[in-house]
């Protein structure tokens, strides 16, 4: 059951009954919601950061890696 996500009742109804909305869950738990007009919003599980940008030609080196949070979430 890799497609489970926690939605409030109004967003659940939107996912089930509204036409044109797309909900896509990636393997890492990232949820992408696309509206009928084509706007996409992305959410990630707590504690997950967006992927680091690729190195640029001007710098030649990757950006510094961010330090992890002091304490992980309680779940």
PDB file of N, CA and C in Angstrom:
ATOM      1  N   UNK A   1       0.828  -1.186   0.000  1.00  0.00           N
ATOM      2  CA  UNK A   1       0.000   0.000   0.000  1.00  0.00           C
ATOM      3  C   UNK A   1       0.867   1.243   0.000  1.00  0.00           C
ATOM      4  N   UNK A   2       1.557   1.470  -1.093  1.00  0.00           N
ATOM      5  CA  UNK A   2       2.468   2.588  -1.184  1.00  0.00           C
ATOM      6  C   UNK A   2       1.816   3.894  -1.558  1.00  0.00           C
ATOM      7  N   UNK A   3       0.489   3.920  -1.717  1.00  0.00           N
ATOM      8  CA  UNK A   3      -0.154   5.161  -2.136  1.00  0.00           C
ATOM      9  C   UNK A   3      -0.955   5.823  -1.017  1.00  0.00           C
ATOM     10  N   UNK A   4      -0.719   5.431   0.214  1.00  0.00           N
ATOM     11  CA  UNK A   4      -1.470   6.019   1.326  1.00  0.00           C
ATOM     12  C   UNK A   4      -0.884   7.373   1.716  1.00  0.00           C
ATOM     13  N   UNK A   5      -1.751   8.350   1.919  1.00  0.00           N
ATOM     14  CA  UNK A   5      -1.321   9.645   2.430  1.00  0.00           C
ATOM     15  C   UNK A   5      -2.428  10.179   3.329  1.00  0.00           C
ATOM     16  N   UNK A   6      -2.039  11.045   4.241  1.00  0.00           N
ATOM     17  CA  UNK A   6      -2.975  11.596   5.209  1.00  0.00           C
ATOM     18  C   UNK A   6      -3.597  12.874   4.636  1.00  0.00           C
ATOM     19  N   UNK A   7      -4.901  12.838   4.391  1.00  0.00           N
ATOM     20  CA  UNK A   7      -5.609  14.000   3.873  1.00  0.00           C
ATOM     21  C   UNK A   7      -6.765  14.349   4.799  1.00  0.00           C
ATOM     22  N   UNK A   8      -7.053  15.627   4.936  1.00  0.00           N
ATOM     23  CA  UNK A   8      -8.242  16.042   5.670  1.00  0.00           C
ATOM     24  C   UNK A   8      -9.462  15.654   4.831  1.00  0.00           C
ATOM     25  N   UNK A   9     -10.624  15.714   5.414  1.00  0.00           N
ATOM     26  CA  UNK A   9     -11.825  15.237   4.714  1.00  0.00           C
ATOM     27  C   UNK A   9     -12.113  16.027   3.440  1.00  0.00           C
ATOM     28  N   UNK A  10     -11.874  17.337   3.439  1.00  0.00           N
ATOM     29  CA  UNK A  10     -12.174  18.110   2.222  1.00  0.00           C
ATOM     30  C   UNK A  10     -11.188  17.775   1.095  1.00  0.00           C
ATOM     31  N   UNK A  11      -9.904  17.573   1.415  1.00  0.00           N
ATOM     32  CA  UNK A  11      -8.941  17.192   0.386  1.00  0.00           C
ATOM     33  C   UNK A  11      -9.156  15.750  -0.073  1.00  0.00           C
ATOM     34  N   UNK A  12      -9.615  14.897   0.827  1.00  0.00           N
ATOM     35  CA  UNK A  12      -9.931  13.524   0.425  1.00  0.00           C
ATOM     36  C   UNK A  12     -11.085  13.519  -0.575  1.00  0.00           C
ATOM     37  N   UNK A  13     -12.122  14.295  -0.298  1.00  0.00           N
ATOM     38  CA  UNK A  13     -13.250  14.384  -1.242  1.00  0.00           C
ATOM     39  C   UNK A  13     -12.792  14.947  -2.584  1.00  0.00           C
ATOM     40  N   UNK A  14     -11.896  15.934  -2.544  1.00  0.00           N
ATOM     41  CA  UNK A  14     -11.351  16.508  -3.759  1.00  0.00           C
ATOM     42  C   UNK A  14     -10.616  15.426  -4.569  1.00  0.00           C
ATOM     43  N   UNK A  15      -9.793  14.634  -3.889  1.00  0.00           N
ATOM     44  CA  UNK A  15      -9.038  13.576  -4.554  1.00  0.00           C
ATOM     45  C   UNK A  15      -9.961  12.539  -5.181  1.00  0.00           C
ATOM     46  N   UNK A  16     -11.025  12.176  -4.476  1.00  0.00           N
ATOM     47  CA  UNK A  16     -11.907  11.104  -4.935  1.00  0.00           C
ATOM     48  C   UNK A  16     -12.924  11.583  -5.976  1.00  0.00           C
ATOM     49  N   UNK A  17     -13.526  12.741  -5.761  1.00  0.00           N
ATOM     50  CA  UNK A  17     -14.682  13.128  -6.568  1.00  0.00           C
ATOM     51  C   UNK A  17     -14.448  14.252  -7.582  1.00  0.00           C
ATOM     52  N   UNK A  18     -13.461  15.116  -7.387  1.00  0.00           N
ATOM     53  CA  UNK A  18     -13.267  16.260  -8.289  1.00  0.00           C
ATOM     54  C   UNK A  18     -12.502  15.820  -9.536  1.00  0.00           C
ATOM     55  N   UNK A  19     -12.995  16.234 -10.679  1.00  0.00           N
ATOM     56  CA  UNK A  19     -12.340  15.867 -11.939  1.00  0.00           C
ATOM     57  C   UNK A  19     -11.146  16.759 -12.209  1.00  0.00           C
ATOM     58  N   UNK A  20     -10.119  16.180 -12.794  1.00  0.00           N
ATOM     59  CA  UNK A  20      -8.973  16.959 -13.239  1.00  0.00           C
ATOM     60  C   UNK A  20      -7.854  17.115 -12.227  1.00  0.00           C
ATOM     61  N   UNK A  21      -8.058  16.720 -10.980  1.00  0.00           N
ATOM     62  CA  UNK A  21      -7.017  16.811  -9.969  1.00  0.00           C
ATOM     63  C   UNK A  21      -6.190  15.531 -10.025  1.00  0.00           C
ATOM     64  N   UNK A  22      -4.853  15.674  -9.899  1.00  0.00           N
ATOM     65  CA  UNK A  22      -3.978  14.503  -9.891  1.00  0.00           C
ATOM     66  C   UNK A  22      -3.165  14.482  -8.610  1.00  0.00           C
ATOM     67  N   UNK A  23      -3.136  13.335  -7.960  1.00  0.00           N
ATOM     68  CA  UNK A  23      -2.343  13.117  -6.763  1.00  0.00           C
ATOM     69  C   UNK A  23      -1.358  12.002  -7.085  1.00  0.00           C
ATOM     70  N   UNK A  24      -0.054  12.293  -6.997  1.00  0.00           N
ATOM     71  CA  UNK A  24       0.969  11.293  -7.305  1.00  0.00           C
ATOM     72  C   UNK A  24       1.915  11.185  -6.120  1.00  0.00           C
ATOM     73  N   UNK A  25       2.055   9.951  -5.588  1.00  0.00           N
ATOM     74  CA  UNK A  25       2.965   9.708  -4.478  1.00  0.00           C
ATOM     75  C   UNK A  25       4.194   8.978  -5.007  1.00  0.00           C
ATOM     76  N   UNK A  26       5.383   9.569  -4.808  1.00  0.00           N
ATOM     77  CA  UNK A  26       6.633   8.940  -5.220  1.00  0.00           C
ATOM     78  C   UNK A  26       7.060   7.901  -4.192  1.00  0.00           C
ATOM     79  N   UNK A  27       8.032   7.077  -4.557  1.00  0.00           N
ATOM     80  CA  UNK A  27       8.510   6.014  -3.662  1.00  0.00           C
ATOM     81  C   UNK A  27       9.079   6.551  -2.354  1.00  0.00           C
ATOM     82  N   UNK A  28       9.627   7.774  -2.374  1.00  0.00           N
ATOM     83  CA  UNK A  28      10.222   8.344  -1.161  1.00  0.00           C
ATOM     84  C   UNK A  28       9.205   9.055  -0.263  1.00  0.00           C
ATOM     85  N   UNK A  29       7.920   9.009  -0.624  1.00  0.00           N
ATOM     86  CA  UNK A  29       6.886   9.633   0.189  1.00  0.00           C
ATOM     87  C   UNK A  29       6.522  11.041  -0.237  1.00  0.00           C
ATOM     88  N   UNK A  30       7.168  11.567  -1.248  1.00  0.00           N
ATOM     89  CA  UNK A  30       6.852  12.893  -1.765  1.00  0.00           C
ATOM     90  C   UNK A  30       5.503  12.845  -2.474  1.00  0.00           C
ATOM     91  N   UNK A  31       4.632  13.787  -2.148  1.00  0.00           N
ATOM     92  CA  UNK A  31       3.306  13.859  -2.753  1.00  0.00           C
ATOM     93  C   UNK A  31       3.241  15.082  -3.659  1.00  0.00           C
ATOM     94  N   UNK A  32       2.852  14.855  -4.929  1.00  0.00           N
ATOM     95  CA  UNK A  32       2.677  15.948  -5.881  1.00  0.00           C
ATOM     96  C   UNK A  32       1.198  16.020  -6.249  1.00  0.00           C
ATOM     97  N   UNK A  33       0.610  17.213  -6.054  1.00  0.00           N
ATOM     98  CA  UNK A  33      -0.805  17.441  -6.370  1.00  0.00           C
ATOM     99  C   UNK A  33      -0.856  18.460  -7.502  1.00  0.00           C
ATOM    100  N   UNK A  34      -1.546  18.092  -8.578  1.00  0.00           N
ATOM    101  CA  UNK A  34      -1.685  18.982  -9.729  1.00  0.00           C
ATOM    102  C   UNK A  34      -3.148  19.360  -9.888  1.00  0.00           C
ATOM    103  N   UNK A  35      -3.420  20.661  -9.975  1.00  0.00           N
ATOM    104  CA  UNK A  35      -4.779  21.173 -10.121  1.00  0.00           C
ATOM    105  C   UNK A  35      -5.233  21.019 -11.571  1.00  0.00           C
ATOM    106  N   UNK A  36      -6.529  21.150 -11.833  1.00  0.00           N
ATOM    107  CA  UNK A  36      -7.008  21.093 -13.213  1.00  0.00           C
ATOM    108  C   UNK A  36      -6.374  22.166 -14.106  1.00  0.00           C
ATOM    109  N   UNK A  37      -5.937  23.291 -13.540  1.00  0.00           N
ATOM    110  CA  UNK A  37      -5.317  24.352 -14.344  1.00  0.00           C
ATOM    111  C   UNK A  37      -3.823  24.116 -14.565  1.00  0.00           C
ATOM    112  N   UNK A  38      -3.268  23.042 -13.998  1.00  0.00           N
ATOM    113  CA  UNK A  38      -1.871  22.689 -14.236  1.00  0.00           C
ATOM    114  C   UNK A  38      -0.886  23.119 -13.175  1.00  0.00           C
ATOM    115  N   UNK A  39      -1.334  23.742 -12.094  1.00  0.00           N
ATOM    116  CA  UNK A  39      -0.438  24.145 -11.014  1.00  0.00           C
ATOM    117  C   UNK A  39      -0.122  22.916 -10.171  1.00  0.00           C
ATOM    118  N   UNK A  40       1.173  22.687  -9.901  1.00  0.00           N
ATOM    119  CA  UNK A  40       1.596  21.529  -9.112  1.00  0.00           C
ATOM    120  C   UNK A  40       2.193  21.991  -7.802  1.00  0.00           C
ATOM    121  N   UNK A  41       1.781  21.368  -6.725  1.00  0.00           N
ATOM    122  CA  UNK A  41       2.334  21.609  -5.391  1.00  0.00           C
ATOM    123  C   UNK A  41       2.950  20.300  -4.905  1.00  0.00           C
ATOM    124  N   UNK A  42       4.092  20.402  -4.222  1.00  0.00           N
ATOM    125  CA  UNK A  42       4.812  19.224  -3.742  1.00  0.00           C
ATOM    126  C   UNK A  42       4.949  19.302  -2.232  1.00  0.00           C
ATOM    127  N   UNK A  43       4.675  18.190  -1.566  1.00  0.00           N
ATOM    128  CA  UNK A  43       4.903  18.105  -0.131  1.00  0.00           C
ATOM    129  C   UNK A  43       5.777  16.888   0.130  1.00  0.00           C
ATOM    130  N   UNK A  44       6.583  16.988   1.172  1.00  0.00           N
ATOM    131  CA  UNK A  44       7.481  15.904   1.550  1.00  0.00           C
ATOM    132  C   UNK A  44       7.216  15.508   2.996  1.00  0.00           C
ATOM    133  N   UNK A  45       7.538  14.264   3.339  1.00  0.00           N
ATOM    134  CA  UNK A  45       7.370  13.858   4.738  1.00  0.00           C
ATOM    135  C   UNK A  45       8.195  14.755   5.656  1.00  0.00           C
ATOM    136  N   UNK A  46       7.774  14.927   6.904  1.00  0.00           N
ATOM    137  CA  UNK A  46       8.524  15.775   7.832  1.00  0.00           C
ATOM    138  C   UNK A  46       9.982  15.334   7.922  1.00  0.00           C
ATOM    139  N   UNK A  47      10.883  16.309   7.937  1.00  0.00           N
ATOM    140  CA  UNK A  47      12.301  16.023   8.066  1.00  0.00           C
ATOM    141  C   UNK A  47      12.990  15.773   6.738  1.00  0.00           C
ATOM    142  N   UNK A  48      12.241  15.688   5.653  1.00  0.00           N
ATOM    143  CA  UNK A  48      12.849  15.452   4.348  1.00  0.00           C
ATOM    144  C   UNK A  48      13.115  16.778   3.651  1.00  0.00           C
ATOM    145  N   UNK A  49      14.290  16.923   3.117  1.00  0.00           N
ATOM    146  CA  UNK A  49      14.636  18.157   2.425  1.00  0.00           C
ATOM    147  C   UNK A  49      14.517  17.964   0.919  1.00  0.00           C
ATOM    148  N   UNK A  50      14.295  19.058   0.176  1.00  0.00           N
ATOM    149  CA  UNK A  50      14.288  18.937  -1.282  1.00  0.00           C
ATOM    150  C   UNK A  50      15.671  18.514  -1.776  1.00  0.00           C
ATOM    151  N   UNK A  51      15.743  17.910  -2.952  1.00  0.00           N
ATOM    152  CA  UNK A  51      17.050  17.502  -3.472  1.00  0.00           C
ATOM    153  C   UNK A  51      17.971  18.698  -3.665  1.00  0.00           C
ATOM    154  N   UNK A  52      19.269  18.458  -3.465  1.00  0.00           N
ATOM    155  CA  UNK A  52      20.259  19.525  -3.631  1.00  0.00           C
ATOM    156  C   UNK A  52      20.382  19.879  -5.108  1.00  0.00           C
ATOM    157  N   UNK A  53      20.613  21.152  -5.420  1.00  0.00           N
ATOM    158  CA  UNK A  53      20.778  21.531  -6.831  1.00  0.00           C
ATOM    159  C   UNK A  53      22.070  20.943  -7.395  1.00  0.00           C
ATOM    160  N   UNK A  54      22.076  20.756  -8.694  1.00  0.00           N
ATOM    161  CA  UNK A  54      23.259  20.243  -9.381  1.00  0.00           C
ATOM    162  C   UNK A  54      24.358  21.297  -9.380  1.00  0.00           C
ATOM    163  N   UNK A  55      25.630  20.874  -9.446  1.00  0.00           N
ATOM    164  CA  UNK A  55      26.718  21.864  -9.510  1.00  0.00           C
ATOM    165  C   UNK A  55      26.610  22.692 -10.792  1.00  0.00           C
ATOM    166  N   UNK A  56      27.014  23.930 -10.703  1.00  0.00           N
ATOM    167  CA  UNK A  56      26.957  24.814 -11.868  1.00  0.00           C
ATOM    168  C   UNK A  56      28.333  24.886 -12.520  1.00  0.00           C
ATOM    169  N   UNK A  57      28.367  25.347 -13.769  1.00  0.00           N
ATOM    170  CA  UNK A  57      29.637  25.452 -14.483  1.00  0.00           C
ATOM    171  C   UNK A  57      30.534  26.531 -13.886  1.00  0.00           C
ATOM    172  N   UNK A  58      29.937  27.552 -13.275  1.00  0.00           N
ATOM    173  CA  UNK A  58      30.751  28.654 -12.742  1.00  0.00           C
ATOM    174  C   UNK A  58      31.465  28.259 -11.457  1.00  0.00           C
ATOM    175  N   UNK A  59      30.853  27.433 -10.624  1.00  0.00           N
ATOM    176  CA  UNK A  59      31.491  27.066  -9.355  1.00  0.00           C
ATOM    177  C   UNK A  59      32.326  25.805  -9.498  1.00  0.00           C
ATOM    178  N   UNK A  60      31.868  24.850 -10.308  1.00  0.00           N
ATOM    179  CA  UNK A  60      32.608  23.619 -10.513  1.00  0.00           C
ATOM    180  C   UNK A  60      32.523  22.647  -9.357  1.00  0.00           C
ATOM    181  N   UNK A  61      31.944  23.039  -8.245  1.00  0.00           N
ATOM    182  CA  UNK A  61      31.821  22.122  -7.112  1.00  0.00           C
ATOM    183  C   UNK A  61      30.382  22.110  -6.628  1.00  0.00           C
ATOM    184  N   UNK A  62      29.971  20.999  -6.032  1.00  0.00           N
ATOM    185  CA  UNK A  62      28.597  20.939  -5.536  1.00  0.00           C
ATOM    186  C   UNK A  62      28.407  21.872  -4.343  1.00  0.00           C
ATOM    187  N   UNK A  63      27.153  22.301  -4.111  1.00  0.00           N
ATOM    188  CA  UNK A  63      26.897  23.157  -2.945  1.00  0.00           C
ATOM    189  C   UNK A  63      27.138  22.376  -1.659  1.00  0.00           C
ATOM    190  N   UNK A  64      27.398  23.073  -0.551  1.00  0.00           N
ATOM    191  CA  UNK A  64      27.634  22.366   0.717  1.00  0.00           C
ATOM    192  C   UNK A  64      26.395  21.591   1.144  1.00  0.00           C
ATOM    193  N   UNK A  65      26.638  20.455   1.778  1.00  0.00           N
ATOM    194  CA  UNK A  65      25.547  19.623   2.268  1.00  0.00           C
ATOM    195  C   UNK A  65      25.017  20.218   3.566  1.00  0.00           C
ATOM    196  N   UNK A  66      23.677  20.420   3.680  1.00  0.00           N
ATOM    197  CA  UNK A  66      23.142  20.973   4.927  1.00  0.00           C
ATOM    198  C   UNK A  66      23.295  19.972   6.061  1.00  0.00           C
ATOM    199  N   UNK A  67      23.457  20.494   7.260  1.00  0.00           N
ATOM    200  CA  UNK A  67      23.576  19.612   8.422  1.00  0.00           C
ATOM    201  C   UNK A  67      22.201  19.077   8.804  1.00  0.00           C
ATOM    202  N   UNK A  68      22.135  17.847   9.317  1.00  0.00           N
ATOM    203  CA  UNK A  68      20.828  17.292   9.701  1.00  0.00           C
ATOM    204  C   UNK A  68      20.251  18.009  10.912  1.00  0.00           C
ATOM    205  N   UNK A  69      18.949  17.843  11.095  1.00  0.00           N
ATOM    206  CA  UNK A  69      18.279  18.426  12.263  1.00  0.00           C
ATOM    207  C   UNK A  69      18.879  17.833  13.535  1.00  0.00           C
ATOM    208  N   UNK A  70      18.825  18.621  14.617  1.00  0.00           N
ATOM    209  CA  UNK A  70      19.373  18.142  15.891  1.00  0.00           C
ATOM    210  C   UNK A  70      18.633  16.914  16.395  1.00  0.00           C
ATOM    211  N   UNK A  71      17.314  16.960  16.306  1.00  0.00           N
ATOM    212  CA  UNK A  71      16.515  15.849  16.796  1.00  0.00           C
ATOM    213  C   UNK A  71      15.540  15.408  15.705  1.00  0.00           C
ATOM    214  N   UNK A  72      15.447  14.105  15.474  1.00  0.00           N
ATOM    215  CA  UNK A  72      14.495  13.643  14.473  1.00  0.00           C
ATOM    216  C   UNK A  72      13.063  13.786  14.999  1.00  0.00           C
ATOM    217  N   UNK A  73      12.061  13.755  14.093  1.00  0.00           N
ATOM    218  CA  UNK A  73      10.682  13.826  14.546  1.00  0.00           C
ATOM    219  C   UNK A  73      10.334  12.629  15.438  1.00  0.00           C
ATOM    220  N   UNK A  74       9.327  12.742  16.290  1.00  0.00           N
ATOM    221  CA  UNK A  74       9.019  11.691  17.257  1.00  0.00           C
ATOM    222  C   UNK A  74       8.273  10.496  16.663  1.00  0.00           C
ATOM    223  N   UNK A  75       8.277  10.312  15.367  1.00  0.00           N
ATOM    224  CA  UNK A  75       7.567   9.168  14.782  1.00  0.00           C
ATOM    225  C   UNK A  75       8.419   8.457  13.785  1.00  0.00           C
TER     226      UNK A  75
END
